[in-house]
Amino acid sequence: MSIKNMTKEKNWSGQTMVSADHLLFEAPREKHFMTGSEVLKEAMKRCTVDASVSYPITPQSEAAHLIGELWAEGYVGTYFRGENEFGVMSSVAGCAMAGARTVTTTSGPGTLRAMENFPMWSGTRIPCQLVLMARGINSPLTIQPDNLEVSFLLETGCMIWYAENVQELFDMSIAAFIVAEMPDVHVPIITAVDGFFVSHTRESVMLPADDIALFPYNPYKAPLPPIDSEMPPGRFLRDPFVMKSNYISYATHASWQWEVRSAADRSRPYAKHFLKGLVHVTGDLDAEIVFVACGTASHQAKEANRELTKMGIKSKVVKLRTIRPFPHAELLEETKSAKYIFVPEFNIVGWLDKEVTQTLYGKSEAKIIGRPRVAGGMSMPVEAILKEVLENVKKGA
């Protein structure tokens, strides 16, 4: 069976099953006008999803509700609501351990309430998907867009991809299942967008027909077999690791943490294929002014790039598509001519600035400016980015 071609096989909802390459690259597409939440429903409709667990928290509540509609329409095998965010992520683990292609969504404080589960997900090597619609987590309470919560997820062992707009959300959330389910990867994946800026914004999006869908997940190709009537849950926790010997415990857990991270790193070639590169670059390739950004901040950086071009100033934007694994080699290559690197972010701590600085430390002579940063739901006007650029370039002249 060709991996590029359609087959006559049908899934339980009557959709023709196709390869990811066909669905993402070859199938004809038509233009629609949708919000990010609506687009996520359309993506999941084409993914032969076995299970989804939900809990309402703004701004992902609509997305969770729409996935529930897919269950009612016969496109999702099982759908139910958890008692809270921790319960949701625990239930997701159970579904995925049992061999189900599983998806959930969350935002802001829900992410933090569920946090203990995410390293457990990666430790049990389940290829589930979390669609994160990032929002503020600070007090006083806010529901505004802010991606500080991503910083809490960076070292959980999960892969993290970041979509800029509704089109990328559609394509990424489909590709995410395929990459996560690769036998030599097989770790959970977080597909992130900036809440409201993407989840509630209506944009043009190109979609393939909804009568085709991905082949189902085959859990028996996984590095760990699924829990079924012949595989009891005890396979995930052998008592000698915990009870019998400190040495065995230390060695086992240390080596497994390295393996989980190595597994995520092995996703690079698959991500490069399905995302058409771990980074996307726009602007003048030899520019000395470089913006490094992800998500909505990269869109605003592109606007700044256009304004600088009108002023006769060369710049370029390096948009990061993946955060875990981090695209170290690509970032080094795309910033080799830089004198100034600006890292605009929608959070107060500058987690992406830290990642960029760590990657380039001792390898680049460029001045790294981790600004502008906006937080708490503020927008990032192009004028704010231009102000940072013009002030810093003037100082260095």
Protein backbone atom coordinates (compact mmCIF):
# COMPACT_ATOMS: atom_id res chain seq x y z
CA MET A 1 0.00 0.00 0.00
CA SER A 2 1.49 3.34 -1.02
CA ILE A 3 1.90 5.84 1.81
CA LYS A 4 1.01 8.63 -0.61
CA ASN A 5 -2.23 7.33 -2.02
CA MET A 6 -5.78 6.95 -0.84
CA THR A 7 -7.25 3.53 -0.22
CA LYS A 8 -10.80 2.24 -0.34
CA GLU A 9 -10.75 1.43 3.37
CA LYS A 10 -13.19 3.32 5.58
CA ASN A 11 -13.01 4.26 9.24
CA TRP A 12 -15.97 3.89 11.62
CA SER A 13 -17.49 7.21 10.48
CA GLY A 14 -17.37 6.22 6.82
CA GLN A 15 -14.44 8.44 5.86
CA THR A 16 -11.88 7.11 3.39
CA MET A 17 -8.59 6.57 5.20
CA VAL A 18 -5.52 8.25 3.74
CA SER A 19 -1.89 8.85 4.60
CA ALA A 20 -0.81 12.02 6.37
CA ASP A 21 1.09 13.06 3.23
CA HIS A 22 -2.07 12.83 1.17
CA LEU A 23 -4.20 14.68 3.72
CA LEU A 24 -1.67 17.47 4.32
CA PHE A 25 0.04 17.89 0.96
CA GLU A 26 -1.88 16.25 -1.87
CA ALA A 27 -5.63 16.43 -1.28
CA PRO A 28 -7.39 19.38 -2.98
CA ARG A 29 -8.40 22.19 -0.60
CA GLU A 30 -11.11 24.81 -0.52
CA LYS A 31 -11.16 28.15 1.27
CA HIS A 32 -13.23 28.59 4.44
CA PHE A 33 -13.56 31.39 7.00
CA MET A 34 -13.25 30.10 10.54
CA THR A 35 -12.03 30.73 14.06
CA GLY A 36 -9.21 28.72 15.58
CA SER A 37 -11.67 26.73 17.67
CA GLU A 38 -13.74 25.87 14.60
CA VAL A 39 -10.61 24.91 12.70
CA LEU A 40 -9.52 22.58 15.48
CA LYS A 41 -12.85 20.79 15.16
CA GLU A 42 -12.24 20.41 11.43
CA ALA A 43 -8.76 19.03 12.07
CA MET A 44 -9.96 16.48 14.61
CA LYS A 45 -12.76 15.48 12.25
CA ARG A 46 -10.07 14.23 9.88
CA CYS A 47 -7.90 12.45 12.47
CA THR A 48 -9.86 9.28 13.34
CA VAL A 49 -9.71 10.25 17.01
CA ASP A 50 -10.53 7.44 19.43
CA ALA A 51 -11.05 9.52 22.57
CA SER A 52 -11.26 13.06 23.87
CA VAL A 53 -11.67 14.28 27.44
CA SER A 54 -12.71 17.86 28.21
CA TYR A 55 -13.14 20.45 30.92
CA PRO A 56 -14.24 24.05 30.32
CA ILE A 57 -11.79 26.89 30.82
CA THR A 58 -11.61 30.03 28.72
CA PRO A 59 -10.52 30.38 25.92
CA GLN A 60 -10.45 26.69 24.99
CA SER A 61 -13.98 25.88 26.14
CA GLU A 62 -15.45 26.32 22.67
CA ALA A 63 -12.84 24.03 21.11
CA ALA A 64 -13.59 21.34 23.71
CA HIS A 65 -17.32 21.75 23.07
CA LEU A 66 -16.89 21.44 19.31
CA ILE A 67 -14.87 18.24 19.67
CA GLY A 68 -17.82 16.99 21.71
CA GLU A 69 -20.06 17.75 18.74
CA LEU A 70 -17.80 15.54 16.64
CA TRP A 71 -18.52 12.70 19.05
CA ALA A 72 -22.26 13.33 18.67
CA GLU A 73 -21.80 13.32 14.90
CA GLY A 74 -19.92 10.01 15.00
CA TYR A 75 -16.39 11.21 14.24
CA VAL A 76 -14.85 10.68 17.72
CA GLY A 77 -15.02 7.28 19.40
CA THR A 78 -15.36 8.32 23.06
CA TYR A 79 -15.92 11.73 24.63
CA PHE A 80 -16.53 12.72 28.22
CA ARG A 81 -15.94 15.52 30.69
CA GLY A 82 -13.50 15.19 33.59
CA GLU A 83 -14.23 16.43 37.10
CA ASN A 84 -11.40 18.99 36.85
CA GLU A 85 -8.26 19.62 34.80
CA PHE A 86 -6.17 17.17 36.81
CA GLY A 87 -8.82 14.53 36.29
CA VAL A 88 -8.93 15.28 32.56
CA MET A 89 -5.21 14.78 32.06
CA SER A 90 -5.26 11.63 34.18
CA SER A 91 -8.13 10.28 32.07
CA VAL A 92 -6.24 11.17 28.89
CA ALA A 93 -3.35 9.07 30.17
CA GLY A 94 -5.65 6.13 30.77
CA CYS A 95 -7.19 6.36 27.31
CA ALA A 96 -3.80 6.63 25.61
CA MET A 97 -2.27 3.80 27.66
CA ALA A 98 -5.16 1.63 26.49
CA GLY A 99 -4.17 2.32 22.89
CA ALA A 100 -6.53 5.17 21.95
CA ARG A 101 -5.57 8.15 19.79
CA THR A 102 -6.45 10.81 22.34
CA VAL A 103 -6.72 14.59 22.31
CA THR A 104 -7.61 17.24 24.86
CA THR A 105 -7.45 21.00 25.23
CA THR A 106 -6.69 23.39 28.07
CA SER A 107 -5.68 26.94 28.93
CA GLY A 108 -3.95 28.97 31.63
CA PRO A 109 -4.75 27.89 35.22
CA GLY A 110 -6.06 24.58 33.89
CA THR A 111 -2.54 23.82 32.66
CA LEU A 112 -1.09 24.45 36.10
CA ARG A 113 -3.73 22.44 37.92
CA ALA A 114 -2.94 19.49 35.68
CA MET A 115 0.85 19.97 35.69
CA GLU A 116 1.79 16.76 37.52
CA ASN A 117 0.34 14.74 34.66
CA PHE A 118 2.51 16.08 31.84
CA PRO A 119 5.84 14.52 32.90
CA MET A 120 3.84 11.38 33.69
CA TRP A 121 2.55 11.43 30.11
CA SER A 122 6.07 11.57 28.71
CA GLY A 123 7.37 9.04 31.22
CA THR A 124 4.76 6.52 30.10
CA ARG A 125 5.50 7.34 26.43
CA ILE A 126 1.91 7.99 25.40
CA PRO A 127 1.51 9.80 22.04
CA CYS A 128 -1.51 11.89 23.05
CA GLN A 129 -2.02 15.51 21.98
CA LEU A 130 -2.76 18.54 24.12
CA VAL A 131 -3.95 21.61 22.23
CA LEU A 132 -2.93 24.51 24.45
CA MET A 133 -4.74 27.82 23.91
CA ALA A 134 -2.51 29.92 26.11
CA ARG A 135 -3.88 32.57 28.46
CA GLY A 136 -2.81 34.48 31.54
CA ILE A 137 -2.15 32.63 34.80
CA ASN A 138 -1.48 35.55 37.13
CA SER A 139 -3.49 37.12 39.94
CA PRO A 140 -5.66 39.18 39.86
CA LEU A 141 -7.52 36.77 37.63
CA THR A 142 -7.32 37.34 33.90
CA ILE A 143 -8.57 35.43 30.88
CA GLN A 144 -6.51 37.48 28.46
CA PRO A 145 -3.86 36.00 26.12
CA ASP A 146 -0.41 35.51 27.63
CA ASN A 147 1.87 32.52 27.06
CA LEU A 148 3.75 32.44 30.37
CA GLU A 149 2.32 28.97 30.98
CA VAL A 150 4.49 27.57 28.17
CA SER A 151 7.54 28.15 30.36
CA PHE A 152 6.12 25.67 32.89
CA LEU A 153 5.79 23.01 30.18
CA LEU A 154 9.26 23.27 28.64
CA GLU A 155 10.91 20.56 30.72
CA THR A 156 8.06 18.07 31.03
CA GLY A 157 9.47 15.83 28.30
CA CYS A 158 6.59 16.64 25.95
CA MET A 159 7.17 17.92 22.43
CA ILE A 160 5.91 21.49 21.91
CA TRP A 161 4.93 22.99 18.57
CA TYR A 162 3.69 26.56 18.19
CA ALA A 163 1.18 27.69 15.56
CA GLU A 164 0.97 31.30 14.37
CA ASN A 165 -2.53 31.29 12.89
CA VAL A 166 -5.59 29.15 12.19
CA GLN A 167 -4.08 27.53 9.09
CA GLU A 168 -1.05 26.40 11.02
CA LEU A 169 -3.26 25.15 13.84
CA PHE A 170 -5.18 22.96 11.39
CA ASP A 171 -2.09 21.49 9.74
CA MET A 172 -0.04 21.16 12.93
CA SER A 173 -2.71 19.42 14.97
CA ILE A 174 -3.06 16.76 12.27
CA ALA A 175 0.69 16.27 11.81
CA ALA A 176 1.16 16.19 15.59
CA PHE A 177 -0.55 12.81 15.94
CA ILE A 178 1.51 11.26 13.16
CA VAL A 179 4.85 12.46 14.56
CA ALA A 180 4.01 11.60 18.16
CA GLU A 181 2.93 8.10 17.14
CA MET A 182 6.16 7.25 15.30
CA PRO A 183 7.58 4.17 17.06
CA ASP A 184 10.99 5.80 17.54
CA VAL A 185 9.36 8.94 19.00
CA HIS A 186 6.18 8.00 20.86
CA VAL A 187 5.99 10.85 23.36
CA PRO A 188 3.13 13.32 23.96
CA ILE A 189 2.89 16.52 21.97
CA ILE A 190 1.58 19.96 22.87
CA THR A 191 0.28 22.07 19.99
CA ALA A 192 0.19 25.64 21.29
CA VAL A 193 -1.52 28.79 20.06
CA ASP A 194 -2.02 32.17 21.67
CA GLY A 195 -5.52 32.19 23.14
CA PHE A 196 -8.07 34.61 21.65
CA PHE A 197 -5.53 35.89 19.11
CA VAL A 198 -5.93 32.54 17.34
CA SER A 199 -8.71 30.63 19.11
CA HIS A 200 -11.33 33.35 18.58
CA THR A 201 -10.00 35.08 15.46
CA ARG A 202 -11.77 34.28 12.20
CA GLU A 203 -9.43 33.88 9.24
CA SER A 204 -9.30 32.31 5.82
CA VAL A 205 -8.16 28.71 5.96
CA MET A 206 -7.68 26.10 3.28
CA LEU A 207 -9.23 22.73 4.17
CA PRO A 208 -9.32 19.37 2.38
CA ALA A 209 -12.63 17.56 2.02
CA ASP A 210 -14.07 16.08 5.22
CA ASP A 211 -14.75 12.65 3.70
CA ILE A 212 -11.08 11.65 4.17
CA ALA A 213 -9.23 11.01 7.42
CA LEU A 214 -6.00 9.61 8.82
CA PHE A 215 -5.50 5.91 9.27
CA PRO A 216 -6.14 4.95 12.90
CA TYR A 217 -3.38 4.72 15.46
CA ASN A 218 -1.84 1.26 15.79
CA PRO A 219 -0.79 0.91 19.45
CA TYR A 220 0.86 -2.45 18.83
CA LYS A 221 3.71 -0.68 17.03
CA ALA A 222 4.45 1.32 20.17
CA PRO A 223 7.65 0.89 22.22
CA LEU A 224 5.36 0.02 25.15
CA PRO A 225 2.39 -2.23 24.47
CA PRO A 226 -1.06 -0.91 25.32
CA ILE A 227 -2.98 -2.01 28.39
CA ASP A 228 -5.51 -4.59 27.32
CA SER A 229 -6.87 -7.87 28.70
CA GLU A 230 -3.43 -9.44 28.31
CA MET A 231 -1.27 -6.49 29.40
CA PRO A 232 -1.99 -5.37 32.98
CA PRO A 233 -1.25 -1.81 34.09
CA GLY A 234 1.61 -3.04 36.29
CA ARG A 235 3.96 -2.91 33.31
CA PHE A 236 4.37 0.83 33.96
CA LEU A 237 5.60 0.46 37.52
CA ARG A 238 7.78 -2.54 38.34
CA ASP A 239 8.25 -2.67 42.09
CA PRO A 240 12.05 -3.28 42.02
CA PHE A 241 12.49 0.23 40.58
CA VAL A 242 10.96 1.75 43.68
CA MET A 243 11.18 -0.75 46.52
CA LYS A 244 14.09 -3.14 46.19
CA SER A 245 17.24 -1.21 45.34
CA ASN A 246 18.20 2.43 45.36
CA TYR A 247 20.81 1.75 42.68
CA ILE A 248 18.28 0.11 40.37
CA SER A 249 15.86 2.96 41.01
CA TYR A 250 18.41 5.68 40.28
CA ALA A 251 19.75 3.98 37.16
CA THR A 252 16.34 3.16 35.77
CA HIS A 253 14.81 6.58 36.27
CA ALA A 254 17.87 8.51 35.13
CA SER A 255 18.25 6.49 31.93
CA TRP A 256 14.53 6.73 31.23
CA GLN A 257 14.52 10.52 31.56
CA TRP A 258 17.35 10.69 29.03
CA GLU A 259 15.48 8.30 26.74
CA VAL A 260 12.26 10.34 26.85
CA ARG A 261 14.17 13.45 25.79
CA SER A 262 16.09 11.54 23.15
CA ALA A 263 12.78 10.29 21.79
CA ALA A 264 11.52 13.85 21.43
CA ASP A 265 14.77 14.76 19.70
CA ARG A 266 14.25 11.93 17.24
CA SER A 267 11.09 13.69 16.07
CA ARG A 268 13.17 16.30 14.19
CA PRO A 269 13.19 14.70 10.73
CA TYR A 270 9.48 13.92 10.91
CA ALA A 271 8.65 17.46 12.06
CA LYS A 272 10.83 18.91 9.29
CA HIS A 273 8.86 16.93 6.76
CA PHE A 274 5.34 17.65 7.97
CA LEU A 275 5.98 21.28 9.01
CA LYS A 276 8.21 22.01 6.01
CA GLY A 277 11.03 23.00 8.33
CA LEU A 278 11.46 23.63 12.05
CA VAL A 279 11.79 27.35 11.34
CA HIS A 280 10.27 29.59 8.67
CA VAL A 281 12.14 32.67 7.50
CA THR A 282 10.82 35.85 5.88
CA GLY A 283 12.63 39.05 4.91
CA ASP A 284 16.19 39.74 3.75
CA LEU A 285 18.26 36.62 4.24
CA ASP A 286 21.52 38.53 4.93
CA ALA A 287 19.95 41.11 7.25
CA GLU A 288 21.83 42.21 10.36
CA ILE A 289 18.56 42.84 12.24
CA VAL A 290 16.82 39.55 13.04
CA PHE A 291 13.60 38.85 14.89
CA VAL A 292 13.26 35.44 16.55
CA ALA A 293 9.70 34.69 17.60
CA CYS A 294 6.91 32.14 17.70
CA GLY A 295 3.13 32.25 17.57
CA THR A 296 1.37 35.59 17.27
CA ALA A 297 4.57 37.48 18.12
CA SER A 298 6.06 36.26 14.85
CA HIS A 299 3.11 37.78 12.98
CA GLN A 300 3.76 41.14 14.62
CA ALA A 301 7.47 40.79 13.86
CA LYS A 302 6.59 40.31 10.18
CA GLU A 303 4.62 43.55 10.29
CA ALA A 304 7.68 45.29 11.76
CA ASN A 305 9.82 43.76 9.02
CA ARG A 306 7.53 45.29 6.38
CA GLU A 307 7.70 48.72 8.03
CA LEU A 308 11.49 48.57 8.28
CA THR A 309 11.67 47.65 4.60
CA LYS A 310 9.75 50.84 3.79
CA MET A 311 12.43 52.76 5.74
CA GLY A 312 15.19 51.10 3.75
CA ILE A 313 16.33 48.99 6.71
CA LYS A 314 16.96 45.29 6.12
CA SER A 315 15.56 42.78 8.61
CA LYS A 316 14.24 39.25 8.71
CA VAL A 317 11.98 37.12 10.88
CA VAL A 318 12.94 33.64 12.06
CA LYS A 319 9.71 32.00 13.16
CA LEU A 320 10.19 28.93 15.35
CA ARG A 321 7.68 26.19 14.58
CA THR A 322 8.91 23.84 17.30
CA ILE A 323 10.04 24.72 20.83
CA ARG A 324 10.67 21.13 21.95
CA PRO A 325 12.78 19.91 20.34
CA PHE A 326 14.37 23.34 20.06
CA PRO A 327 15.76 24.11 16.57
CA HIS A 328 19.32 24.89 17.69
CA ALA A 329 21.08 24.24 14.36
CA GLU A 330 18.49 26.15 12.35
CA LEU A 331 18.64 29.15 14.68
CA LEU A 332 22.44 29.26 14.50
CA GLU A 333 22.31 29.15 10.71
CA GLU A 334 19.65 31.82 10.33
CA THR A 335 21.30 34.29 12.75
CA LYS A 336 24.90 33.96 11.54
CA SER A 337 24.83 37.39 9.85
CA ALA A 338 22.98 39.11 12.70
CA LYS A 339 24.27 42.07 14.68
CA TYR A 340 21.01 42.54 16.57
CA ILE A 341 18.56 39.82 17.54
CA PHE A 342 15.18 40.87 18.92
CA VAL A 343 12.93 38.38 20.71
CA PRO A 344 9.37 39.78 21.02
CA GLU A 345 7.17 37.78 23.42
CA PHE A 346 3.69 37.70 24.93
CA ASN A 347 4.86 37.06 28.50
CA ILE A 348 6.76 38.82 31.25
CA VAL A 349 9.55 36.31 31.94
CA GLY A 350 11.02 36.01 28.45
CA TRP A 351 11.19 32.24 28.26
CA LEU A 352 11.94 32.29 24.54
CA ASP A 353 14.66 34.91 25.06
CA LYS A 354 16.32 32.51 27.52
CA GLU A 355 16.15 29.68 24.99
CA VAL A 356 17.64 31.86 22.24
CA THR A 357 20.39 33.20 24.52
CA GLN A 358 21.33 29.71 25.68
CA THR A 359 21.53 28.44 22.10
CA LEU A 360 23.67 31.33 20.85
CA TYR A 361 25.88 31.77 23.92
CA GLY A 362 29.52 31.73 22.83
CA LYS A 363 28.52 31.07 19.20
CA SER A 364 27.26 34.47 18.09
CA GLU A 365 28.53 38.03 18.51
CA ALA A 366 25.06 39.46 17.98
CA LYS A 367 23.46 41.58 20.65
CA ILE A 368 20.36 39.77 21.89
CA ILE A 369 17.54 42.07 23.00
CA GLY A 370 14.72 40.18 24.72
CA ARG A 371 12.11 42.79 23.92
CA PRO A 372 9.48 43.97 23.47
CA ARG A 373 7.60 41.90 26.01
CA VAL A 374 3.94 42.45 26.68
CA ALA A 375 1.92 40.60 29.28
CA GLY A 376 -1.47 40.23 30.86
CA GLY A 377 -3.36 40.35 27.58
CA MET A 378 -1.85 43.48 26.06
CA SER A 379 -1.42 43.64 22.30
CA MET A 380 1.99 44.14 20.70
CA PRO A 381 1.75 47.14 18.38
CA VAL A 382 4.21 47.28 15.53
CA GLU A 383 5.27 50.67 16.89
CA ALA A 384 6.54 48.99 20.07
CA ILE A 385 8.77 46.66 18.06
CA LEU A 386 10.04 49.47 15.83
CA LYS A 387 10.86 51.58 18.89
CA GLU A 388 13.08 48.82 20.28
CA VAL A 389 14.82 48.34 16.96
CA LEU A 390 15.46 52.00 16.19
CA GLU A 391 16.66 52.84 19.70
CA ASN A 392 19.09 49.92 19.88
CA VAL A 393 20.44 50.33 16.37
CA LYS A 394 20.96 54.06 16.99
CA LYS A 395 22.89 53.29 20.18
CA GLY A 396 25.13 50.85 18.33
CA ALA A 397 25.78 53.16 15.38
